[in-house]
Amino acid sequence: RWPALARYAEDGSYPIDNNAIENAIRPIALGRKNWLFAGSETAGKRAAAIMSLLATAKANGHEPLAWLTDVLTRLPTTLDRDIDTLLPHRWKPAA
C-alpha cells in the first residue's frame, strides 16, 4: 500500500490530496441526505446516470444546463452513428 500512497512523490504534478474528487461528489453526498426516495431502484439508477453525465459535462468545461439543453434538442435528429458526438467529452455547441 505504501507505494500507491507515496506515488505523488514520483511526479510533482500529482496532487497530494483528493479535493477534486471530493468536490465532484459533493452534490451526490448532499443529495443523499435530501432524497429519501427516488421512486424506485430503476429511477435511482436513471438519476445517477444523469448526475454522472452532468458532472462529466462540468469536468469538461461545459455549463451542464447548456450541454443538456443542447443535447436534448439535437437528440431526436441525430443519427445513431453520430450519437457519441453528444457525449460531454466530444460535444461541440450548435453553431
N, C-alpha and C. Protein backbone atom coordinates (compact mmCIF):
# COMPACT_ATOMS: atom_id res chain seq x y z
N ARG A 1 0.81 -1.20 0.00
CA ARG A 1 0.00 0.00 0.00
C ARG A 1 0.86 1.26 0.00
N TRP A 2 2.03 1.20 0.59
CA TRP A 2 2.87 2.39 0.67
C TRP A 2 3.25 2.93 -0.70
N PRO A 3 3.65 2.08 -1.67
CA PRO A 3 4.00 2.63 -3.00
C PRO A 3 2.85 3.43 -3.63
N ALA A 4 1.64 2.93 -3.47
CA ALA A 4 0.50 3.65 -4.03
C ALA A 4 0.27 4.96 -3.29
N LEU A 5 0.47 4.94 -1.98
CA LEU A 5 0.26 6.14 -1.17
C LEU A 5 1.30 7.22 -1.49
N ALA A 6 2.52 6.82 -1.73
CA ALA A 6 3.60 7.78 -1.97
C ALA A 6 3.82 8.08 -3.45
N ARG A 7 2.95 7.62 -4.31
CA ARG A 7 3.10 7.79 -5.76
C ARG A 7 3.26 9.27 -6.14
N TYR A 8 2.58 10.14 -5.43
CA TYR A 8 2.64 11.56 -5.77
C TYR A 8 4.07 12.12 -5.67
N ALA A 9 4.94 11.47 -4.89
CA ALA A 9 6.31 11.95 -4.73
C ALA A 9 7.15 11.70 -5.98
N GLU A 10 6.70 10.81 -6.87
CA GLU A 10 7.44 10.50 -8.08
C GLU A 10 7.30 11.59 -9.14
N ASP A 11 6.22 12.35 -9.07
CA ASP A 11 5.95 13.36 -10.09
C ASP A 11 5.33 14.57 -9.39
N GLY A 12 5.97 15.70 -9.50
CA GLY A 12 5.49 16.89 -8.82
C GLY A 12 4.14 17.40 -9.28
N SER A 13 3.65 16.88 -10.42
CA SER A 13 2.34 17.34 -10.90
C SER A 13 1.18 16.58 -10.26
N TYR A 14 1.48 15.47 -9.58
CA TYR A 14 0.40 14.72 -8.91
C TYR A 14 -0.05 15.47 -7.67
N PRO A 15 -1.36 15.60 -7.48
CA PRO A 15 -1.83 16.27 -6.26
C PRO A 15 -1.65 15.37 -5.04
N ILE A 16 -1.39 15.97 -3.90
CA ILE A 16 -1.22 15.20 -2.67
C ILE A 16 -2.56 14.92 -2.00
N ASP A 17 -3.60 15.59 -2.46
CA ASP A 17 -4.93 15.40 -1.87
C ASP A 17 -5.92 14.96 -2.94
N ASN A 18 -7.14 14.72 -2.52
CA ASN A 18 -8.18 14.31 -3.47
C ASN A 18 -9.34 15.31 -3.47
N ASN A 19 -9.02 16.58 -3.29
CA ASN A 19 -10.06 17.61 -3.23
C ASN A 19 -10.92 17.65 -4.49
N ALA A 20 -10.32 17.44 -5.65
CA ALA A 20 -11.10 17.48 -6.89
C ALA A 20 -12.19 16.41 -6.88
N ILE A 21 -11.86 15.22 -6.42
CA ILE A 21 -12.84 14.14 -6.35
C ILE A 21 -13.90 14.45 -5.30
N GLU A 22 -13.45 14.92 -4.14
CA GLU A 22 -14.41 15.25 -3.09
C GLU A 22 -15.39 16.33 -3.55
N ASN A 23 -14.90 17.32 -4.26
CA ASN A 23 -15.79 18.37 -4.76
C ASN A 23 -16.73 17.84 -5.84
N ALA A 24 -16.26 16.89 -6.64
CA ALA A 24 -17.09 16.33 -7.70
C ALA A 24 -18.26 15.53 -7.14
N ILE A 25 -18.05 14.85 -6.01
CA ILE A 25 -19.13 14.02 -5.46
C ILE A 25 -19.94 14.74 -4.39
N ARG A 26 -19.58 15.98 -4.09
CA ARG A 26 -20.31 16.73 -3.06
C ARG A 26 -21.81 16.82 -3.33
N PRO A 27 -22.25 17.13 -4.57
CA PRO A 27 -23.71 17.19 -4.82
C PRO A 27 -24.41 15.86 -4.53
N ILE A 28 -23.74 14.76 -4.80
CA ILE A 28 -24.35 13.46 -4.53
C ILE A 28 -24.43 13.23 -3.03
N ALA A 29 -23.37 13.59 -2.31
CA ALA A 29 -23.39 13.42 -0.86
C ALA A 29 -24.47 14.29 -0.22
N LEU A 30 -24.62 15.52 -0.70
CA LEU A 30 -25.68 16.39 -0.17
C LEU A 30 -27.05 15.86 -0.53
N GLY A 31 -27.19 15.38 -1.75
CA GLY A 31 -28.47 14.84 -2.19
C GLY A 31 -28.88 13.61 -1.41
N ARG A 32 -27.90 12.81 -1.03
CA ARG A 32 -28.19 11.59 -0.27
C ARG A 32 -28.95 11.92 1.01
N LYS A 33 -28.66 13.08 1.58
CA LYS A 33 -29.36 13.50 2.80
C LYS A 33 -30.77 14.00 2.50
N ASN A 34 -30.99 14.46 1.27
CA ASN A 34 -32.27 15.07 0.92
C ASN A 34 -33.21 14.18 0.12
N TRP A 35 -32.68 13.20 -0.57
CA TRP A 35 -33.51 12.34 -1.42
C TRP A 35 -33.78 11.03 -0.70
N LEU A 36 -34.82 11.00 0.04
CA LEU A 36 -35.14 9.78 0.78
C LEU A 36 -35.55 8.67 -0.16
N PHE A 37 -36.34 9.02 -1.16
CA PHE A 37 -36.79 8.02 -2.13
C PHE A 37 -36.64 8.58 -3.54
N ALA A 38 -36.23 7.74 -4.45
CA ALA A 38 -36.13 8.13 -5.85
C ALA A 38 -37.35 7.64 -6.62
N GLY A 39 -38.21 6.90 -5.98
CA GLY A 39 -39.40 6.36 -6.62
C GLY A 39 -39.27 4.86 -6.82
N SER A 40 -38.10 4.43 -7.30
CA SER A 40 -37.83 3.01 -7.49
C SER A 40 -36.33 2.84 -7.70
N GLU A 41 -35.89 1.61 -7.70
CA GLU A 41 -34.47 1.35 -7.96
C GLU A 41 -34.09 1.81 -9.36
N THR A 42 -34.97 1.56 -10.32
CA THR A 42 -34.72 1.98 -11.70
C THR A 42 -34.60 3.50 -11.79
N ALA A 43 -35.49 4.21 -11.12
CA ALA A 43 -35.44 5.68 -11.13
C ALA A 43 -34.14 6.17 -10.49
N GLY A 44 -33.71 5.51 -9.44
CA GLY A 44 -32.45 5.87 -8.80
C GLY A 44 -31.26 5.70 -9.74
N LYS A 45 -31.27 4.60 -10.51
CA LYS A 45 -30.19 4.37 -11.47
C LYS A 45 -30.21 5.41 -12.58
N ARG A 46 -31.41 5.79 -13.02
CA ARG A 46 -31.51 6.83 -14.05
C ARG A 46 -31.00 8.17 -13.52
N ALA A 47 -31.37 8.50 -12.29
CA ALA A 47 -30.91 9.75 -11.69
C ALA A 47 -29.38 9.75 -11.57
N ALA A 48 -28.81 8.62 -11.19
CA ALA A 48 -27.36 8.52 -11.08
C ALA A 48 -26.69 8.70 -12.44
N ALA A 49 -27.29 8.14 -13.49
CA ALA A 49 -26.72 8.28 -14.84
C ALA A 49 -26.75 9.74 -15.28
N ILE A 50 -27.85 10.43 -15.03
CA ILE A 50 -27.96 11.84 -15.40
C ILE A 50 -26.96 12.68 -14.61
N MET A 51 -26.85 12.43 -13.30
CA MET A 51 -25.89 13.18 -12.48
C MET A 51 -24.47 12.94 -12.96
N SER A 52 -24.17 11.71 -13.37
CA SER A 52 -22.84 11.40 -13.89
C SER A 52 -22.55 12.17 -15.18
N LEU A 53 -23.53 12.21 -16.08
CA LEU A 53 -23.35 12.96 -17.33
C LEU A 53 -23.18 14.45 -17.07
N LEU A 54 -23.97 15.00 -16.15
CA LEU A 54 -23.85 16.43 -15.83
C LEU A 54 -22.50 16.74 -15.20
N ALA A 55 -22.02 15.87 -14.31
CA ALA A 55 -20.71 16.07 -13.70
C ALA A 55 -19.61 15.97 -14.75
N THR A 56 -19.76 15.06 -15.71
CA THR A 56 -18.78 14.91 -16.78
C THR A 56 -18.77 16.15 -17.67
N ALA A 57 -19.95 16.69 -17.95
CA ALA A 57 -20.02 17.93 -18.74
C ALA A 57 -19.28 19.05 -18.02
N LYS A 58 -19.51 19.18 -16.73
CA LYS A 58 -18.84 20.22 -15.95
C LYS A 58 -17.33 20.00 -15.92
N ALA A 59 -16.91 18.74 -15.76
CA ALA A 59 -15.48 18.42 -15.74
C ALA A 59 -14.81 18.72 -17.08
N ASN A 60 -15.58 18.71 -18.15
CA ASN A 60 -15.05 19.02 -19.48
C ASN A 60 -15.18 20.49 -19.83
N GLY A 61 -15.53 21.31 -18.85
CA GLY A 61 -15.58 22.75 -19.05
C GLY A 61 -16.86 23.29 -19.64
N HIS A 62 -17.91 22.47 -19.67
CA HIS A 62 -19.19 22.90 -20.22
C HIS A 62 -20.13 23.33 -19.09
N GLU A 63 -21.02 24.25 -19.39
CA GLU A 63 -22.10 24.59 -18.47
C GLU A 63 -23.10 23.43 -18.57
N PRO A 64 -23.32 22.67 -17.48
CA PRO A 64 -24.17 21.48 -17.56
C PRO A 64 -25.56 21.72 -18.14
N LEU A 65 -26.21 22.80 -17.75
CA LEU A 65 -27.56 23.06 -18.26
C LEU A 65 -27.54 23.37 -19.76
N ALA A 66 -26.54 24.12 -20.21
CA ALA A 66 -26.42 24.42 -21.64
C ALA A 66 -26.16 23.13 -22.42
N TRP A 67 -25.28 22.27 -21.89
CA TRP A 67 -25.00 20.99 -22.56
C TRP A 67 -26.26 20.14 -22.65
N LEU A 68 -26.97 19.99 -21.53
CA LEU A 68 -28.16 19.14 -21.51
C LEU A 68 -29.25 19.69 -22.43
N THR A 69 -29.46 21.00 -22.41
CA THR A 69 -30.47 21.62 -23.27
C THR A 69 -30.15 21.37 -24.74
N ASP A 70 -28.89 21.58 -25.10
CA ASP A 70 -28.49 21.37 -26.49
C ASP A 70 -28.63 19.90 -26.91
N VAL A 71 -28.19 19.00 -26.05
CA VAL A 71 -28.27 17.57 -26.37
C VAL A 71 -29.71 17.12 -26.52
N LEU A 72 -30.58 17.54 -25.62
CA LEU A 72 -31.99 17.13 -25.72
C LEU A 72 -32.66 17.72 -26.96
N THR A 73 -32.20 18.88 -27.39
CA THR A 73 -32.74 19.49 -28.61
C THR A 73 -32.27 18.74 -29.85
N ARG A 74 -31.01 18.34 -29.87
CA ARG A 74 -30.43 17.69 -31.05
C ARG A 74 -30.67 16.18 -31.09
N LEU A 75 -30.97 15.58 -29.97
CA LEU A 75 -31.10 14.12 -29.90
C LEU A 75 -32.09 13.53 -30.89
N PRO A 76 -33.29 14.10 -31.06
CA PRO A 76 -34.25 13.48 -31.98
C PRO A 76 -33.79 13.41 -33.44
N THR A 77 -32.91 14.31 -33.84
CA THR A 77 -32.48 14.34 -35.25
C THR A 77 -31.06 13.81 -35.46
N THR A 78 -30.42 13.36 -34.39
CA THR A 78 -29.06 12.83 -34.50
C THR A 78 -29.11 11.36 -34.92
N LEU A 79 -28.33 11.02 -35.93
CA LEU A 79 -28.26 9.63 -36.40
C LEU A 79 -27.59 8.75 -35.35
N ASP A 80 -27.97 7.48 -35.32
CA ASP A 80 -27.40 6.54 -34.35
C ASP A 80 -25.88 6.53 -34.41
N ARG A 81 -25.32 6.59 -35.60
CA ARG A 81 -23.86 6.52 -35.74
C ARG A 81 -23.16 7.76 -35.19
N ASP A 82 -23.91 8.85 -35.01
CA ASP A 82 -23.33 10.11 -34.52
C ASP A 82 -23.68 10.42 -33.07
N ILE A 83 -24.35 9.50 -32.40
CA ILE A 83 -24.84 9.78 -31.05
C ILE A 83 -23.69 10.07 -30.08
N ASP A 84 -22.53 9.46 -30.31
CA ASP A 84 -21.40 9.68 -29.40
C ASP A 84 -20.87 11.11 -29.45
N THR A 85 -21.21 11.87 -30.49
CA THR A 85 -20.78 13.27 -30.56
C THR A 85 -21.52 14.14 -29.54
N LEU A 86 -22.56 13.61 -28.94
CA LEU A 86 -23.32 14.36 -27.94
C LEU A 86 -22.80 14.11 -26.52
N LEU A 87 -21.90 13.15 -26.36
CA LEU A 87 -21.33 12.89 -25.04
C LEU A 87 -20.50 14.09 -24.60
N PRO A 88 -20.45 14.36 -23.29
CA PRO A 88 -19.78 15.58 -22.82
C PRO A 88 -18.34 15.75 -23.30
N HIS A 89 -17.57 14.69 -23.40
CA HIS A 89 -16.16 14.84 -23.79
C HIS A 89 -15.98 15.05 -25.29
N ARG A 90 -17.04 14.90 -26.09
CA ARG A 90 -16.96 15.12 -27.54
C ARG A 90 -17.88 16.23 -28.02
N TRP A 91 -18.71 16.75 -27.16
CA TRP A 91 -19.75 17.70 -27.54
C TRP A 91 -19.17 19.03 -27.99
N LYS A 92 -19.73 19.54 -29.05
CA LYS A 92 -19.44 20.90 -29.53
C LYS A 92 -20.79 21.62 -29.61
N PRO A 93 -20.91 22.81 -29.02
CA PRO A 93 -22.19 23.52 -29.07
C PRO A 93 -22.66 23.75 -30.50
N ALA A 94 -23.96 23.74 -30.70
CA ALA A 94 -24.52 24.00 -32.03
C ALA A 94 -24.15 25.41 -32.46
N ALA A 95 -23.85 25.56 -33.72
CA ALA A 95 -23.43 26.88 -34.23
C ALA A 95 -24.59 27.83 -34.31
